[in-house]
Amino acid sequence: MRMLRHLAVLSVAVGLTVAACDDDDPVEPEAEVYTATLNGGNESPPVTTPATGTATFTVTGNTLAYNVTIANWPAGQTLSGAHIHFRPVPPETNAGVLKGFTINTGQGAITTTGGSGTIAITDAELGLIRAGGTYFNVHATPQAPGGLIRGPLVEQ
């Protein structure tokens, strides 16, 4: 009988220990933040424009949250694109699109004053951003179809 009591107490203690361990909160992925200061002088070739801006990109897991602000968009220019580009070459050169953003209309669209939202990002795309050499730019037609304002992504 005494042995059964010891066994019962031991069973309760083991059960409480397992329950306490099962209570652990899941580990959230750590956020990574990248910023870019946008201006025409960063374009290649440089563009003379009054437009400027800032962009903040926050990566958590495979989600990229973005917040873009643009000031002094030139009259008569249509925003024609907004992208993150990967440039494994010298900074003054142009590179292919790594990640495109919705522009002008729709949820999360980037407009002539900016925009914010979230998009999915793959591990491969994030690896290229982490490697450096990426930049964000905003295109305008007819003045600068290749990019009106641009800035390198800098990890914070």
Protein backbone atom coordinates (compact mmCIF):
# COMPACT_ATOMS: atom_id res chain seq x y z
CA MET A 1 0.00 0.00 0.00
CA ARG A 2 2.79 2.37 0.93
CA MET A 3 4.50 1.64 -2.37
CA LEU A 4 1.30 2.48 -4.26
CA ARG A 5 1.15 5.89 -2.52
CA HIS A 6 4.75 6.64 -3.50
CA LEU A 7 3.98 5.61 -7.04
CA ALA A 8 0.91 7.86 -7.12
CA VAL A 9 2.87 10.86 -5.81
CA LEU A 10 5.63 10.22 -8.33
CA SER A 11 3.07 10.00 -11.16
CA VAL A 12 1.54 13.34 -10.15
CA ALA A 13 4.99 14.98 -9.99
CA VAL A 14 5.93 13.69 -13.45
CA GLY A 15 2.58 14.85 -14.86
CA LEU A 16 3.03 18.36 -13.43
CA THR A 17 6.56 18.56 -14.84
CA VAL A 18 5.39 17.54 -18.33
CA ALA A 19 2.49 20.02 -18.17
CA ALA A 20 4.83 22.84 -17.15
CA CYS A 21 7.18 22.11 -20.07
CA ASP A 22 4.25 21.96 -22.51
CA ASP A 23 3.37 25.57 -21.61
CA ASP A 24 6.39 27.11 -23.38
CA ASP A 25 5.57 29.91 -25.80
CA PRO A 26 6.63 29.37 -29.42
CA VAL A 27 9.75 31.26 -30.42
CA GLU A 28 8.86 34.11 -32.78
CA PRO A 29 11.30 34.82 -35.61
CA GLU A 30 13.34 37.95 -34.98
CA ALA A 31 12.45 40.92 -37.18
CA GLU A 32 15.04 42.34 -39.56
CA VAL A 33 14.73 46.00 -40.57
CA TYR A 34 16.15 47.63 -43.69
CA THR A 35 15.81 51.28 -44.71
CA ALA A 36 16.47 53.27 -47.86
CA THR A 37 16.77 57.03 -48.42
CA LEU A 38 15.39 57.78 -51.88
CA ASN A 39 16.55 60.53 -54.22
CA GLY A 40 17.35 61.09 -57.87
CA GLY A 41 21.08 61.36 -57.25
CA ASN A 42 21.17 57.67 -56.29
CA GLU A 43 19.82 56.65 -59.71
CA SER A 44 22.13 55.46 -62.48
CA PRO A 45 22.53 57.74 -64.30
CA PRO A 46 21.55 60.39 -61.72
CA VAL A 47 18.16 62.05 -62.24
CA THR A 48 17.42 65.69 -61.46
CA THR A 49 14.12 65.68 -59.58
CA PRO A 50 12.55 67.36 -56.55
CA ALA A 51 11.16 63.97 -55.48
CA THR A 52 12.59 62.32 -52.37
CA GLY A 53 11.47 59.55 -50.08
CA THR A 54 12.17 56.95 -47.47
CA ALA A 55 11.41 53.25 -47.38
CA THR A 56 11.41 50.89 -44.42
CA PHE A 57 11.22 47.13 -44.88
CA THR A 58 10.64 44.84 -41.90
CA VAL A 59 11.11 41.12 -42.44
CA THR A 60 9.57 38.64 -40.02
CA GLY A 61 9.75 35.04 -41.15
CA ASN A 62 8.62 35.07 -44.78
CA THR A 63 6.64 38.30 -44.52
CA LEU A 64 7.99 41.63 -45.75
CA ALA A 65 6.18 44.66 -44.30
CA TYR A 66 6.93 47.92 -46.09
CA ASN A 67 6.31 51.60 -45.47
CA VAL A 68 7.26 54.04 -48.22
CA THR A 69 6.89 57.82 -48.08
CA ILE A 70 7.42 60.06 -51.10
CA ALA A 71 7.52 63.86 -51.17
CA ASN A 72 7.55 66.38 -54.03
CA TRP A 73 6.51 64.02 -56.81
CA PRO A 74 6.92 66.03 -60.04
CA ALA A 75 3.78 67.17 -61.85
CA GLY A 76 3.06 65.40 -65.10
CA GLN A 77 4.87 62.21 -64.08
CA THR A 78 3.10 58.86 -63.71
CA LEU A 79 4.42 56.39 -61.15
CA SER A 80 5.20 53.38 -63.31
CA GLY A 81 6.96 50.93 -60.99
CA ALA A 82 8.36 50.28 -57.52
CA HIS A 83 10.86 47.49 -56.91
CA ILE A 84 13.65 46.06 -54.83
CA HIS A 85 16.58 45.25 -57.13
CA PHE A 86 19.54 42.96 -56.46
CA ARG A 87 22.84 44.31 -57.69
CA PRO A 88 25.84 41.97 -57.37
CA VAL A 89 27.90 44.56 -59.26
CA PRO A 90 29.23 48.10 -58.59
CA PRO A 91 26.74 50.51 -56.93
CA GLU A 92 26.50 52.85 -59.90
CA THR A 93 25.07 50.12 -62.15
CA ASN A 94 21.49 48.91 -62.58
CA ALA A 95 20.18 45.44 -61.81
CA GLY A 96 17.20 43.17 -62.31
CA VAL A 97 14.04 43.24 -60.21
CA LEU A 98 14.14 41.09 -57.08
CA LYS A 99 10.74 42.06 -55.65
CA GLY A 100 7.98 44.12 -57.26
CA PHE A 101 5.26 46.09 -55.47
CA THR A 102 1.70 46.96 -56.46
CA ILE A 103 1.48 50.55 -57.67
CA ASN A 104 -1.17 53.26 -57.96
CA THR A 105 -4.33 51.35 -56.93
CA GLY A 106 -5.28 48.48 -54.68
CA GLN A 107 -4.49 47.36 -51.16
CA GLY A 108 -0.90 48.17 -50.22
CA ALA A 109 -0.26 50.04 -53.47
CA ILE A 110 2.63 52.48 -53.63
CA THR A 111 1.47 55.84 -55.04
CA THR A 112 3.11 59.21 -55.69
CA THR A 113 2.91 59.90 -51.92
CA GLY A 114 3.98 56.43 -50.76
CA GLY A 115 2.23 53.36 -49.40
CA SER A 116 2.44 50.49 -46.97
CA GLY A 117 1.49 46.85 -46.76
CA THR A 118 2.90 43.33 -46.56
CA ILE A 119 4.00 40.81 -49.15
CA ALA A 120 5.51 37.35 -49.01
CA ILE A 121 9.25 36.94 -49.39
CA THR A 122 11.10 33.71 -50.11
CA ASP A 123 14.17 32.51 -48.25
CA ALA A 124 16.17 32.94 -51.47
CA GLU A 125 15.04 36.57 -51.88
CA LEU A 126 15.80 37.30 -48.24
CA GLY A 127 19.24 35.73 -48.67
CA LEU A 128 20.00 38.20 -51.47
CA ILE A 129 18.84 41.15 -49.36
CA ARG A 130 21.00 39.95 -46.47
CA ALA A 131 23.98 39.64 -48.83
CA GLY A 132 23.80 43.37 -49.55
CA GLY A 133 23.82 45.20 -52.85
CA THR A 134 20.05 45.65 -52.97
CA TYR A 135 18.27 48.93 -53.64
CA PHE A 136 14.70 50.18 -53.81
CA ASN A 137 13.55 52.50 -56.55
CA VAL A 138 10.43 54.14 -57.87
CA HIS A 139 9.98 54.65 -61.61
CA ALA A 140 8.23 57.55 -63.38
CA THR A 141 7.13 58.07 -66.95
CA PRO A 142 7.86 59.87 -69.10
CA GLN A 143 10.83 61.44 -67.22
CA ALA A 144 12.58 58.43 -65.74
CA PRO A 145 11.19 55.04 -66.80
CA GLY A 146 14.36 53.39 -65.46
CA GLY A 147 13.90 55.00 -62.03
CA LEU A 148 13.19 58.47 -60.65
CA ILE A 149 14.33 57.99 -57.03
CA ARG A 150 16.39 55.23 -55.49
CA GLY A 151 18.24 54.26 -52.36
CA PRO A 152 20.35 51.31 -51.15
CA LEU A 153 18.80 49.04 -48.52
CA VAL A 154 20.72 49.42 -45.26
CA GLU A 155 20.23 46.95 -42.43
CA GLN A 156 19.33 48.63 -39.15
